[in-house]
Amino acid sequence: MAHIILIENGKLKKDIPITEDSTRIGREKLSHIWVDEPLVSRYHAEIYRRGSCYILEDKQSTNGTRLNGKLVTEKTVLGHKDKISIGAVILIFEQDDSEIPGLIRSDSFDGTATVYDLLKHK
């Protein structure tokens, strides 16, 4: 199952499974992935599942969405370990649970692991 690893202020915060065909990301509390960050729009971006593919779309957000450092201007297919940047928040897309490093799988996301801990296993 695909999931998103949420990173705030350089710390791992949450591991969020993508269980719906459409996953909203934004500052609106009803979003599937809620991001409490001033640079994030209420309905900032969305991830769609189409068969075995996952697609990222910016929803005309004020400050944009970046995928691996590039501004997202159209629907874009996500790949394993892609980095989505929304405001100061980083979301790492993981498509295969078996490839999650043991450190992260056992981490309680209490803010003790760093971004480096995650990315060194890429």
PDB file of N, CA and C in Angstrom:
ATOM      1  N   MET A   1       0.850  -1.185   0.000  1.00  0.00           N
ATOM      2  CA  MET A   1       0.000   0.000   0.000  1.00  0.00           C
ATOM      3  C   MET A   1       0.891   1.242   0.000  1.00  0.00           C
ATOM      4  N   ALA A   2       0.499   2.227  -0.763  1.00  0.00           N
ATOM      5  CA  ALA A   2       1.249   3.483  -0.802  1.00  0.00           C
ATOM      6  C   ALA A   2       0.958   4.303   0.450  1.00  0.00           C
ATOM      7  N   HIS A   3       1.922   5.150   0.790  1.00  0.00           N
ATOM      8  CA  HIS A   3       1.727   6.028   1.930  1.00  0.00           C
ATOM      9  C   HIS A   3       2.627   7.246   1.795  1.00  0.00           C
ATOM     10  N   ILE A   4       2.366   8.232   2.626  1.00  0.00           N
ATOM     11  CA  ILE A   4       3.115   9.486   2.658  1.00  0.00           C
ATOM     12  C   ILE A   4       3.798   9.599   4.013  1.00  0.00           C
ATOM     13  N   ILE A   5       5.075   9.954   3.992  1.00  0.00           N
ATOM     14  CA  ILE A   5       5.793  10.262   5.219  1.00  0.00           C
ATOM     15  C   ILE A   5       5.858  11.779   5.308  1.00  0.00           C
ATOM     16  N   LEU A   6       5.275  12.330   6.358  1.00  0.00           N
ATOM     17  CA  LEU A   6       5.191  13.771   6.558  1.00  0.00           C
ATOM     18  C   LEU A   6       6.377  14.245   7.381  1.00  0.00           C
ATOM     19  N   ILE A   7       7.092  15.251   6.860  1.00  0.00           N
ATOM     20  CA  ILE A   7       8.258  15.816   7.535  1.00  0.00           C
ATOM     21  C   ILE A   7       8.007  17.297   7.772  1.00  0.00           C
ATOM     22  N   GLU A   8       8.086  17.715   9.037  1.00  0.00           N
ATOM     23  CA  GLU A   8       7.935  19.117   9.408  1.00  0.00           C
ATOM     24  C   GLU A   8       9.157  19.542  10.211  1.00  0.00           C
ATOM     25  N   ASN A   9       9.684  20.705   9.891  1.00  0.00           N
ATOM     26  CA  ASN A   9      10.846  21.243  10.611  1.00  0.00           C
ATOM     27  C   ASN A   9      11.993  20.242  10.680  1.00  0.00           C
ATOM     28  N   GLY A  10      12.197  19.476   9.615  1.00  0.00           N
ATOM     29  CA  GLY A  10      13.294  18.525   9.564  1.00  0.00           C
ATOM     30  C   GLY A  10      13.096  17.268  10.366  1.00  0.00           C
ATOM     31  N   LYS A  11      11.918  17.058  10.917  1.00  0.00           N
ATOM     32  CA  LYS A  11      11.639  15.885  11.746  1.00  0.00           C
ATOM     33  C   LYS A  11      10.520  15.050  11.141  1.00  0.00           C
ATOM     34  N   LEU A  12      10.649  13.737  11.234  1.00  0.00           N
ATOM     35  CA  LEU A  12       9.597  12.833  10.784  1.00  0.00           C
ATOM     36  C   LEU A  12       8.421  12.952  11.744  1.00  0.00           C
ATOM     37  N   LYS A  13       7.236  13.193  11.205  1.00  0.00           N
ATOM     38  CA  LYS A  13       6.072  13.397  12.057  1.00  0.00           C
ATOM     39  C   LYS A  13       5.023  12.293  11.935  1.00  0.00           C
ATOM     40  N   LYS A  14       4.708  11.890  10.709  1.00  0.00           N
ATOM     41  CA  LYS A  14       3.623  10.921  10.531  1.00  0.00           C
ATOM     42  C   LYS A  14       3.896  10.029   9.334  1.00  0.00           C
ATOM     43  N   ASP A  15       3.324   8.856   9.385  1.00  0.00           N
ATOM     44  CA  ASP A  15       3.274   7.943   8.254  1.00  0.00           C
ATOM     45  C   ASP A  15       1.794   7.789   7.935  1.00  0.00           C
ATOM     46  N   ILE A  16       1.378   8.292   6.774  1.00  0.00           N
ATOM     47  CA  ILE A  16      -0.043   8.363   6.443  1.00  0.00           C
ATOM     48  C   ILE A  16      -0.338   7.433   5.264  1.00  0.00           C
ATOM     49  N   PRO A  17      -1.088   6.352   5.472  1.00  0.00           N
ATOM     50  CA  PRO A  17      -1.432   5.465   4.359  1.00  0.00           C
ATOM     51  C   PRO A  17      -2.396   6.154   3.391  1.00  0.00           C
ATOM     52  N   ILE A  18      -2.217   5.857   2.119  1.00  0.00           N
ATOM     53  CA  ILE A  18      -3.148   6.353   1.101  1.00  0.00           C
ATOM     54  C   ILE A  18      -4.139   5.226   0.857  1.00  0.00           C
ATOM     55  N   THR A  19      -5.333   5.390   1.410  1.00  0.00           N
ATOM     56  CA  THR A  19      -6.340   4.331   1.339  1.00  0.00           C
ATOM     57  C   THR A  19      -7.488   4.657   0.390  1.00  0.00           C
ATOM     58  N   GLU A  20      -7.581   5.895  -0.032  1.00  0.00           N
ATOM     59  CA  GLU A  20      -8.676   6.337  -0.909  1.00  0.00           C
ATOM     60  C   GLU A  20      -8.169   6.471  -2.343  1.00  0.00           C
ATOM     61  N   ASP A  21      -9.085   6.524  -3.300  1.00  0.00           N
ATOM     62  CA  ASP A  21      -8.707   6.770  -4.690  1.00  0.00           C
ATOM     63  C   ASP A  21      -8.305   8.227  -4.904  1.00  0.00           C
ATOM     64  N   SER A  22      -8.720   9.093  -3.985  1.00  0.00           N
ATOM     65  CA  SER A  22      -8.390  10.506  -4.062  1.00  0.00           C
ATOM     66  C   SER A  22      -8.026  10.989  -2.654  1.00  0.00           C
ATOM     67  N   THR A  23      -6.848  11.583  -2.509  1.00  0.00           N
ATOM     68  CA  THR A  23      -6.351  12.025  -1.207  1.00  0.00           C
ATOM     69  C   THR A  23      -6.064  13.519  -1.255  1.00  0.00           C
ATOM     70  N   ARG A  24      -6.841  14.294  -0.508  1.00  0.00           N
ATOM     71  CA  ARG A  24      -6.646  15.743  -0.459  1.00  0.00           C
ATOM     72  C   ARG A  24      -5.545  16.120   0.516  1.00  0.00           C
ATOM     73  N   ILE A  25      -4.762  17.130   0.110  1.00  0.00           N
ATOM     74  CA  ILE A  25      -3.703  17.676   0.952  1.00  0.00           C
ATOM     75  C   ILE A  25      -3.978  19.160   1.124  1.00  0.00           C
ATOM     76  N   GLY A  26      -4.011  19.645   2.370  1.00  0.00           N
ATOM     77  CA  GLY A  26      -4.229  21.073   2.564  1.00  0.00           C
ATOM     78  C   GLY A  26      -4.380  21.477   4.007  1.00  0.00           C
ATOM     79  N   ARG A  27      -4.652  22.767   4.178  1.00  0.00           N
ATOM     80  CA  ARG A  27      -4.797  23.362   5.506  1.00  0.00           C
ATOM     81  C   ARG A  27      -6.207  23.154   6.059  1.00  0.00           C
ATOM     82  N   GLU A  28      -7.159  22.813   5.208  1.00  0.00           N
ATOM     83  CA  GLU A  28      -8.525  22.527   5.639  1.00  0.00           C
ATOM     84  C   GLU A  28      -8.493  21.281   6.529  1.00  0.00           C
ATOM     85  N   LYS A  29      -9.086  21.383   7.706  1.00  0.00           N
ATOM     86  CA  LYS A  29      -9.023  20.267   8.667  1.00  0.00           C
ATOM     87  C   LYS A  29      -9.661  18.980   8.153  1.00  0.00           C
ATOM     88  N   LEU A  30     -10.529  19.071   7.162  1.00  0.00           N
ATOM     89  CA  LEU A  30     -11.157  17.878   6.603  1.00  0.00           C
ATOM     90  C   LEU A  30     -10.285  17.200   5.546  1.00  0.00           C
ATOM     91  N   SER A  31      -9.113  17.758   5.268  1.00  0.00           N
ATOM     92  CA  SER A  31      -8.201  17.148   4.293  1.00  0.00           C
ATOM     93  C   SER A  31      -7.735  15.793   4.803  1.00  0.00           C
ATOM     94  N   HIS A  32      -7.481  14.868   3.889  1.00  0.00           N
ATOM     95  CA  HIS A  32      -6.943  13.561   4.275  1.00  0.00           C
ATOM     96  C   HIS A  32      -5.551  13.727   4.887  1.00  0.00           C
ATOM     97  N   ILE A  33      -4.761  14.628   4.286  1.00  0.00           N
ATOM     98  CA  ILE A  33      -3.444  14.961   4.828  1.00  0.00           C
ATOM     99  C   ILE A  33      -3.501  16.433   5.207  1.00  0.00           C
ATOM    100  N   TRP A  34      -3.683  16.675   6.503  1.00  0.00           N
ATOM    101  CA  TRP A  34      -3.838  18.028   7.027  1.00  0.00           C
ATOM    102  C   TRP A  34      -2.466  18.608   7.322  1.00  0.00           C
ATOM    103  N   VAL A  35      -2.200  19.796   6.746  1.00  0.00           N
ATOM    104  CA  VAL A  35      -0.926  20.466   6.940  1.00  0.00           C
ATOM    105  C   VAL A  35      -1.204  21.840   7.533  1.00  0.00           C
ATOM    106  N   ASP A  36      -0.831  22.019   8.790  1.00  0.00           N
ATOM    107  CA  ASP A  36      -1.072  23.276   9.496  1.00  0.00           C
ATOM    108  C   ASP A  36       0.132  24.194   9.285  1.00  0.00           C
ATOM    109  N   GLU A  37       0.161  24.842   8.127  1.00  0.00           N
ATOM    110  CA  GLU A  37       1.287  25.658   7.704  1.00  0.00           C
ATOM    111  C   GLU A  37       0.719  26.858   6.940  1.00  0.00           C
ATOM    112  N   PRO A  38       1.120  28.091   7.283  1.00  0.00           N
ATOM    113  CA  PRO A  38       0.522  29.276   6.658  1.00  0.00           C
ATOM    114  C   PRO A  38       0.686  29.361   5.141  1.00  0.00           C
ATOM    115  N   LEU A  39       1.726  28.760   4.570  1.00  0.00           N
ATOM    116  CA  LEU A  39       1.942  28.831   3.125  1.00  0.00           C
ATOM    117  C   LEU A  39       1.150  27.777   2.350  1.00  0.00           C
ATOM    118  N   VAL A  40       0.394  26.962   3.065  1.00  0.00           N
ATOM    119  CA  VAL A  40      -0.391  25.897   2.445  1.00  0.00           C
ATOM    120  C   VAL A  40      -1.828  26.381   2.262  1.00  0.00           C
ATOM    121  N   SER A  41      -2.347  26.196   1.058  1.00  0.00           N
ATOM    122  CA  SER A  41      -3.737  26.566   0.774  1.00  0.00           C
ATOM    123  C   SER A  41      -4.688  25.579   1.443  1.00  0.00           C
ATOM    124  N   ARG A  42      -5.940  25.997   1.594  1.00  0.00           N
ATOM    125  CA  ARG A  42      -6.932  25.108   2.226  1.00  0.00           C
ATOM    126  C   ARG A  42      -7.042  23.783   1.482  1.00  0.00           C
ATOM    127  N   TYR A  43      -7.105  23.854   0.157  1.00  0.00           N
ATOM    128  CA  TYR A  43      -7.156  22.664  -0.692  1.00  0.00           C
ATOM    129  C   TYR A  43      -5.983  22.819  -1.659  1.00  0.00           C
ATOM    130  N   HIS A  44      -4.821  22.376  -1.247  1.00  0.00           N
ATOM    131  CA  HIS A  44      -3.568  22.682  -1.914  1.00  0.00           C
ATOM    132  C   HIS A  44      -3.256  21.730  -3.074  1.00  0.00           C
ATOM    133  N   ALA A  45      -3.354  20.443  -2.817  1.00  0.00           N
ATOM    134  CA  ALA A  45      -2.988  19.440  -3.821  1.00  0.00           C
ATOM    135  C   ALA A  45      -3.805  18.178  -3.590  1.00  0.00           C
ATOM    136  N   GLU A  46      -3.713  17.282  -4.557  1.00  0.00           N
ATOM    137  CA  GLU A  46      -4.436  16.021  -4.442  1.00  0.00           C
ATOM    138  C   GLU A  46      -3.617  14.909  -5.080  1.00  0.00           C
ATOM    139  N   ILE A  47      -3.708  13.735  -4.483  1.00  0.00           N
ATOM    140  CA  ILE A  47      -3.094  12.540  -5.054  1.00  0.00           C
ATOM    141  C   ILE A  47      -4.231  11.609  -5.458  1.00  0.00           C
ATOM    142  N   TYR A  48      -4.205  11.195  -6.733  1.00  0.00           N
ATOM    143  CA  TYR A  48      -5.217  10.283  -7.267  1.00  0.00           C
ATOM    144  C   TYR A  48      -4.588   8.925  -7.513  1.00  0.00           C
ATOM    145  N   ARG A  49      -5.349   7.880  -7.221  1.00  0.00           N
ATOM    146  CA  ARG A  49      -4.904   6.525  -7.560  1.00  0.00           C
ATOM    147  C   ARG A  49      -5.659   6.092  -8.803  1.00  0.00           C
ATOM    148  N   ARG A  50      -4.903   5.672  -9.812  1.00  0.00           N
ATOM    149  CA  ARG A  50      -5.473   5.151 -11.054  1.00  0.00           C
ATOM    150  C   ARG A  50      -4.797   3.824 -11.337  1.00  0.00           C
ATOM    151  N   GLY A  51      -5.472   2.731 -10.997  1.00  0.00           N
ATOM    152  CA  GLY A  51      -4.859   1.414 -11.119  1.00  0.00           C
ATOM    153  C   GLY A  51      -3.700   1.316 -10.148  1.00  0.00           C
ATOM    154  N   SER A  52      -2.508   1.027 -10.657  1.00  0.00           N
ATOM    155  CA  SER A  52      -1.328   0.948  -9.790  1.00  0.00           C
ATOM    156  C   SER A  52      -0.538   2.259  -9.790  1.00  0.00           C
ATOM    157  N   CYS A  53      -1.028   3.283 -10.497  1.00  0.00           N
ATOM    158  CA  CYS A  53      -0.335   4.573 -10.562  1.00  0.00           C
ATOM    159  C   CYS A  53      -0.942   5.567  -9.574  1.00  0.00           C
ATOM    160  N   TYR A  54      -0.103   6.456  -9.093  1.00  0.00           N
ATOM    161  CA  TYR A  54      -0.533   7.553  -8.229  1.00  0.00           C
ATOM    162  C   TYR A  54      -0.133   8.854  -8.917  1.00  0.00           C
ATOM    163  N   ILE A  55      -1.067   9.781  -8.969  1.00  0.00           N
ATOM    164  CA  ILE A  55      -0.885  11.025  -9.711  1.00  0.00           C
ATOM    165  C   ILE A  55      -1.035  12.203  -8.766  1.00  0.00           C
ATOM    166  N   LEU A  56      -0.108  13.148  -8.843  1.00  0.00           N
ATOM    167  CA  LEU A  56      -0.140  14.365  -8.040  1.00  0.00           C
ATOM    168  C   LEU A  56      -0.663  15.521  -8.888  1.00  0.00           C
ATOM    169  N   GLU A  57      -1.568  16.314  -8.304  1.00  0.00           N
ATOM    170  CA  GLU A  57      -2.074  17.501  -8.981  1.00  0.00           C
ATOM    171  C   GLU A  57      -2.116  18.663  -8.000  1.00  0.00           C
ATOM    172  N   ASP A  58      -1.530  19.798  -8.392  1.00  0.00           N
ATOM    173  CA  ASP A  58      -1.665  21.027  -7.622  1.00  0.00           C
ATOM    174  C   ASP A  58      -3.060  21.573  -7.919  1.00  0.00           C
ATOM    175  N   LYS A  59      -3.762  22.021  -6.899  1.00  0.00           N
ATOM    176  CA  LYS A  59      -5.143  22.482  -7.075  1.00  0.00           C
ATOM    177  C   LYS A  59      -5.201  24.014  -7.119  1.00  0.00           C
ATOM    178  N   GLN A  60      -4.353  24.600  -7.983  1.00  0.00           N
ATOM    179  CA  GLN A  60      -4.280  26.051  -8.154  1.00  0.00           C
ATOM    180  C   GLN A  60      -3.986  26.740  -6.822  1.00  0.00           C
ATOM    181  N   SER A  61      -3.047  26.155  -6.082  1.00  0.00           N
ATOM    182  CA  SER A  61      -2.676  26.703  -4.783  1.00  0.00           C
ATOM    183  C   SER A  61      -1.973  28.049  -4.968  1.00  0.00           C
ATOM    184  N   THR A  62      -2.006  28.847  -3.924  1.00  0.00           N
ATOM    185  CA  THR A  62      -1.382  30.166  -3.968  1.00  0.00           C
ATOM    186  C   THR A  62       0.133  30.076  -4.116  1.00  0.00           C
ATOM    187  N   ASN A  63       0.773  29.178  -3.380  1.00  0.00           N
ATOM    188  CA  ASN A  63       2.235  29.117  -3.351  1.00  0.00           C
ATOM    189  C   ASN A  63       2.830  27.944  -4.116  1.00  0.00           C
ATOM    190  N   GLY A  64       2.006  27.150  -4.765  1.00  0.00           N
ATOM    191  CA  GLY A  64       2.498  26.061  -5.601  1.00  0.00           C
ATOM    192  C   GLY A  64       2.904  24.813  -4.847  1.00  0.00           C
ATOM    193  N   THR A  65       3.072  23.765  -5.619  1.00  0.00           N
ATOM    194  CA  THR A  65       3.512  22.462  -5.129  1.00  0.00           C
ATOM    195  C   THR A  65       4.744  22.076  -5.929  1.00  0.00           C
ATOM    196  N   ARG A  66       5.752  21.548  -5.260  1.00  0.00           N
ATOM    197  CA  ARG A  66       6.970  21.118  -5.951  1.00  0.00           C
ATOM    198  C   ARG A  66       7.120  19.604  -5.815  1.00  0.00           C
ATOM    199  N   LEU A  67       7.564  19.000  -6.887  1.00  0.00           N
ATOM    200  CA  LEU A  67       7.846  17.568  -6.894  1.00  0.00           C
ATOM    201  C   LEU A  67       9.320  17.416  -7.251  1.00  0.00           C
ATOM    202  N   ASN A  68      10.088  16.893  -6.318  1.00  0.00           N
ATOM    203  CA  ASN A  68      11.537  16.746  -6.497  1.00  0.00           C
ATOM    204  C   ASN A  68      12.176  18.066  -6.932  1.00  0.00           C
ATOM    205  N   GLY A  69      11.692  19.160  -6.349  1.00  0.00           N
ATOM    206  CA  GLY A  69      12.263  20.473  -6.601  1.00  0.00           C
ATOM    207  C   GLY A  69      11.669  21.241  -7.767  1.00  0.00           C
ATOM    208  N   LYS A  70      10.842  20.601  -8.583  1.00  0.00           N
ATOM    209  CA  LYS A  70      10.265  21.259  -9.756  1.00  0.00           C
ATOM    210  C   LYS A  70       8.804  21.602  -9.495  1.00  0.00           C
ATOM    211  N   LEU A  71       8.410  22.788  -9.925  1.00  0.00           N
ATOM    212  CA  LEU A  71       7.030  23.238  -9.763  1.00  0.00           C
ATOM    213  C   LEU A  71       6.087  22.336 -10.543  1.00  0.00           C
ATOM    214  N   VAL A  72       5.023  21.891  -9.906  1.00  0.00           N
ATOM    215  CA  VAL A  72       4.024  21.034 -10.554  1.00  0.00           C
ATOM    216  C   VAL A  72       3.032  21.933 -11.283  1.00  0.00           C
ATOM    217  N   THR A  73       2.970  21.803 -12.608  1.00  0.00           N
ATOM    218  CA  THR A  73       2.060  22.617 -13.413  1.00  0.00           C
ATOM    219  C   THR A  73       0.983  21.791 -14.098  1.00  0.00           C
ATOM    220  N   GLU A  74       1.120  20.478 -14.023  1.00  0.00           N
ATOM    221  CA  GLU A  74       0.111  19.578 -14.584  1.00  0.00           C
ATOM    222  C   GLU A  74       0.116  18.286 -13.778  1.00  0.00           C
ATOM    223  N   LYS A  75      -0.872  17.447 -14.004  1.00  0.00           N
ATOM    224  CA  LYS A  75      -0.920  16.164 -13.306  1.00  0.00           C
ATOM    225  C   LYS A  75       0.361  15.390 -13.613  1.00  0.00           C
ATOM    226  N   THR A  76       0.962  14.838 -12.545  1.00  0.00           N
ATOM    227  CA  THR A  76       2.260  14.185 -12.678  1.00  0.00           C
ATOM    228  C   THR A  76       2.238  12.849 -11.946  1.00  0.00           C
ATOM    229  N   VAL A  77       2.720  11.807 -12.596  1.00  0.00           N
ATOM    230  CA  VAL A  77       2.779  10.476 -11.984  1.00  0.00           C
ATOM    231  C   VAL A  77       3.869  10.479 -10.911  1.00  0.00           C
ATOM    232  N   LEU A  78       3.533   9.946  -9.752  1.00  0.00           N
ATOM    233  CA  LEU A  78       4.474   9.847  -8.638  1.00  0.00           C
ATOM    234  C   LEU A  78       5.267   8.552  -8.725  1.00  0.00           C
ATOM    235  N   GLY A  79       6.511   8.621  -8.283  1.00  0.00           N
ATOM    236  CA  GLY A  79       7.369   7.449  -8.198  1.00  0.00           C
ATOM    237  C   GLY A  79       7.791   7.220  -6.758  1.00  0.00           C
ATOM    238  N   HIS A  80       8.244   6.019  -6.477  1.00  0.00           N
ATOM    239  CA  HIS A  80       8.687   5.646  -5.135  1.00  0.00           C
ATOM    240  C   HIS A  80       9.762   6.620  -4.651  1.00  0.00           C
ATOM    241  N   LYS A  81       9.598   7.143  -3.443  1.00  0.00           N
ATOM    242  CA  LYS A  81      10.526   8.071  -2.786  1.00  0.00           C
ATOM    243  C   LYS A  81      10.518   9.478  -3.378  1.00  0.00           C
ATOM    244  N   ASP A  82       9.505   9.828  -4.187  1.00  0.00           N
ATOM    245  CA  ASP A  82       9.396  11.196  -4.672  1.00  0.00           C
ATOM    246  C   ASP A  82       9.155  12.130  -3.496  1.00  0.00           C
ATOM    247  N   LYS A  83       9.718  13.354  -3.596  1.00  0.00           N
ATOM    248  CA  LYS A  83       9.591  14.360  -2.536  1.00  0.00           C
ATOM    249  C   LYS A  83       8.651  15.462  -2.993  1.00  0.00           C
ATOM    250  N   ILE A  84       7.544  15.606  -2.288  1.00  0.00           N
ATOM    251  CA  ILE A  84       6.559  16.657  -2.558  1.00  0.00           C
ATOM    252  C   ILE A  84       6.800  17.752  -1.532  1.00  0.00           C
ATOM    253  N   SER A  85       7.002  18.989  -2.003  1.00  0.00           N
ATOM    254  CA  SER A  85       7.206  20.126  -1.104  1.00  0.00           C
ATOM    255  C   SER A  85       5.999  21.045  -1.191  1.00  0.00           C
ATOM    256  N   ILE A  86       5.411  21.299  -0.033  1.00  0.00           N
ATOM    257  CA  ILE A  86       4.268  22.199   0.083  1.00  0.00           C
ATOM    258  C   ILE A  86       4.576  23.135   1.237  1.00  0.00           C
ATOM    259  N   GLY A  87       4.840  24.394   0.920  1.00  0.00           N
ATOM    260  CA  GLY A  87       5.283  25.314   1.965  1.00  0.00           C
ATOM    261  C   GLY A  87       6.581  24.785   2.539  1.00  0.00           C
ATOM    262  N   ALA A  88       6.682  24.761   3.859  1.00  0.00           N
ATOM    263  CA  ALA A  88       7.885  24.270   4.530  1.00  0.00           C
ATOM    264  C   ALA A  88       7.795  22.777   4.851  1.00  0.00           C
ATOM    265  N   VAL A  89       6.741  22.124   4.391  1.00  0.00           N
ATOM    266  CA  VAL A  89       6.509  20.711   4.694  1.00  0.00           C
ATOM    267  C   VAL A  89       6.973  19.848   3.521  1.00  0.00           C
ATOM    268  N   ILE A  90       7.575  18.709   3.850  1.00  0.00           N
ATOM    269  CA  ILE A  90       7.983  17.740   2.833  1.00  0.00           C
ATOM    270  C   ILE A  90       7.157  16.469   3.040  1.00  0.00           C
ATOM    271  N   LEU A  91       6.652  15.952   1.939  1.00  0.00           N
ATOM    272  CA  LEU A  91       5.906  14.696   1.947  1.00  0.00           C
ATOM    273  C   LEU A  91       6.680  13.726   1.059  1.00  0.00           C
ATOM    274  N   ILE A  92       7.074  12.597   1.610  1.00  0.00           N
ATOM    275  CA  ILE A  92       7.789  11.585   0.837  1.00  0.00           C
ATOM    276  C   ILE A  92       6.785  10.501   0.462  1.00  0.00           C
ATOM    277  N   PHE A  93       6.655  10.265  -0.840  1.00  0.00           N
ATOM    278  CA  PHE A  93       5.729   9.261  -1.344  1.00  0.00           C
ATOM    279  C   PHE A  93       6.433   7.907  -1.355  1.00  0.00           C
ATOM    280  N   GLU A  94       5.837   6.935  -0.685  1.00  0.00           N
ATOM    281  CA  GLU A  94       6.358   5.564  -0.643  1.00  0.00           C
ATOM    282  C   GLU A  94       5.299   4.663  -1.255  1.00  0.00           C
ATOM    283  N   GLN A  95       5.684   3.895  -2.273  1.00  0.00           N
ATOM    284  CA  GLN A  95       4.694   3.048  -2.931  1.00  0.00           C
ATOM    285  C   GLN A  95       4.694   1.611  -2.438  1.00  0.00           C
ATOM    286  N   ASP A  96       5.793   1.138  -1.856  1.00  0.00           N
ATOM    287  CA  ASP A  96       5.880  -0.254  -1.459  1.00  0.00           C
ATOM    288  C   ASP A  96       6.310  -0.348  -0.003  1.00  0.00           C
ATOM    289  N   ASP A  97       5.413  -0.816   0.859  1.00  0.00           N
ATOM    290  CA  ASP A  97       5.711  -0.908   2.291  1.00  0.00           C
ATOM    291  C   ASP A  97       6.973  -1.720   2.580  1.00  0.00           C
ATOM    292  N   SER A  98       7.282  -2.712   1.775  1.00  0.00           N
ATOM    293  CA  SER A  98       8.433  -3.569   2.058  1.00  0.00           C
ATOM    294  C   SER A  98       9.752  -2.821   1.892  1.00  0.00           C
ATOM    295  N   GLU A  99       9.740  -1.657   1.266  1.00  0.00           N
ATOM    296  CA  GLU A  99      10.974  -0.902   1.056  1.00  0.00           C
ATOM    297  C   GLU A  99      11.209   0.176   2.112  1.00  0.00           C
ATOM    298  N   ILE A 100      10.312   0.272   3.109  1.00  0.00           N
ATOM    299  CA  ILE A 100      10.514   1.259   4.166  1.00  0.00           C
ATOM    300  C   ILE A 100      11.652   0.785   5.052  1.00  0.00           C
ATOM    301  N   PRO A 101      12.657   1.641   5.295  1.00  0.00           N
ATOM    302  CA  PRO A 101      13.746   1.237   6.184  1.00  0.00           C
ATOM    303  C   PRO A 101      13.227   0.866   7.572  1.00  0.00           C
ATOM    304  N   GLY A 102      13.852  -0.102   8.223  1.00  0.00           N
ATOM    305  CA  GLY A 102      13.433  -0.549   9.547  1.00  0.00           C
ATOM    306  C   GLY A 102      13.385   0.582  10.551  1.00  0.00           C
ATOM    307  N   LEU A 103      14.308   1.524  10.457  1.00  0.00           N
ATOM    308  CA  LEU A 103      14.330   2.654  11.386  1.00  0.00           C
ATOM    309  C   LEU A 103      13.021   3.417  11.337  1.00  0.00           C
ATOM    310  N   ILE A 104      12.526   3.628  10.146  1.00  0.00           N
ATOM    311  CA  ILE A 104      11.306   4.414  10.005  1.00  0.00           C
ATOM    312  C   ILE A 104      10.094   3.582  10.389  1.00  0.00           C
ATOM    313  N   ARG A 105      10.075   2.321   9.982  1.00  0.00           N
ATOM    314  CA  ARG A 105       8.941   1.467  10.303  1.00  0.00           C
ATOM    315  C   ARG A 105       8.735   1.361  11.808  1.00  0.00           C
ATOM    316  N   SER A 106       9.833   1.324  12.588  1.00  0.00           N
ATOM    317  CA  SER A 106       9.705   1.171  14.030  1.00  0.00           C
ATOM    318  C   SER A 106       9.644   2.509  14.755  1.00  0.00           C
ATOM    319  N   ASP A 107       9.892   3.609  14.045  1.00  0.00           N
ATOM    320  CA  ASP A 107       9.885   4.940  14.659  1.00  0.00           C
ATOM    321  C   ASP A 107       8.453   5.323  15.015  1.00  0.00           C
ATOM    322  N   SER A 108       8.272   5.941  16.166  1.00  0.00           N
ATOM    323  CA  SER A 108       6.937   6.365  16.581  1.00  0.00           C
ATOM    324  C   SER A 108       6.626   7.764  16.080  1.00  0.00           C
ATOM    325  N   PHE A 109       7.495   8.323  15.213  1.00  0.00           N
ATOM    326  CA  PHE A 109       7.315   9.650  14.654  1.00  0.00           C
ATOM    327  C   PHE A 109       7.155  10.685  15.760  1.00  0.00           C
ATOM    328  N   ASP A 110       8.024  10.571  16.759  1.00  0.00           N
ATOM    329  CA  ASP A 110       7.995  11.518  17.875  1.00  0.00           C
ATOM    330  C   ASP A 110       8.955  12.685  17.645  1.00  0.00           C
ATOM    331  N   GLY A 111       9.513  12.787  16.437  1.00  0.00           N
ATOM    332  CA  GLY A 111      10.400  13.892  16.122  1.00  0.00           C
ATOM    333  C   GLY A 111      11.858  13.617  16.417  1.00  0.00           C
ATOM    334  N   THR A 112      12.226  12.372  16.757  1.00  0.00           N
ATOM    335  CA  THR A 112      13.612  12.085  17.096  1.00  0.00           C
ATOM    336  C   THR A 112      14.438  11.711  15.870  1.00  0.00           C
ATOM    337  N   ALA A 113      13.812  11.182  14.840  1.00  0.00           N
ATOM    338  CA  ALA A 113      14.544  10.864  13.616  1.00  0.00           C
ATOM    339  C   ALA A 113      14.645  12.129  12.770  1.00  0.00           C
ATOM    340  N   THR A 114      15.668  12.184  11.937  1.00  0.00           N
ATOM    341  CA  THR A 114      15.859  13.356  11.090  1.00  0.00           C
ATOM    342  C   THR A 114      15.547  13.016   9.646  1.00  0.00           C
ATOM    343  N   VAL A 115      15.475  14.033   8.820  1.00  0.00           N
ATOM    344  CA  VAL A 115      15.265  13.828   7.393  1.00  0.00           C
ATOM    345  C   VAL A 115      16.419  13.003   6.843  1.00  0.00           C
ATOM    346  N   TYR A 116      17.617  13.261   7.314  1.00  0.00           N
ATOM    347  CA  TYR A 116      18.789  12.495   6.860  1.00  0.00           C
ATOM    348  C   TYR A 116      18.584  10.999   7.113  1.00  0.00           C
ATOM    349  N   ASP A 117      18.035  10.634   8.254  1.00  0.00           N
ATOM    350  CA  ASP A 117      17.790   9.225   8.567  1.00  0.00           C
ATOM    351  C   ASP A 117      16.915   8.573   7.500  1.00  0.00           C
ATOM    352  N   LEU A 118      15.940   9.326   7.004  1.00  0.00           N
ATOM    353  CA  LEU A 118      15.034   8.801   5.981  1.00  0.00           C
ATOM    354  C   LEU A 118      15.728   8.722   4.621  1.00  0.00           C
ATOM    355  N   LEU A 119      16.362   9.812   4.208  1.00  0.00           N
ATOM    356  CA  LEU A 119      16.878   9.903   2.855  1.00  0.00           C
ATOM    357  C   LEU A 119      18.135   9.069   2.644  1.00  0.00           C
ATOM    358  N   LYS A 120      18.878   8.753   3.681  1.00  0.00           N
ATOM    359  CA  LYS A 120      20.098   7.959   3.490  1.00  0.00           C
ATOM    360  C   LYS A 120      19.782   6.541   3.051  1.00  0.00           C
ATOM    361  N   HIS A 121      18.519   6.108   3.190  1.00  0.00           N
ATOM    362  CA  HIS A 121      18.108   4.755   2.790  1.00  0.00           C
ATOM    363  C   HIS A 121      17.551   4.704   1.390  1.00  0.00           C
ATOM    364  N   LYS A 122      17.555   5.829   0.693  1.00  0.00           N
ATOM    365  CA  LYS A 122      16.943   5.879  -0.650  1.00  0.00           C
ATOM    366  C   LYS A 122      17.686   5.000  -1.616  1.00  0.00           C
TER     367      LYS A 122
END
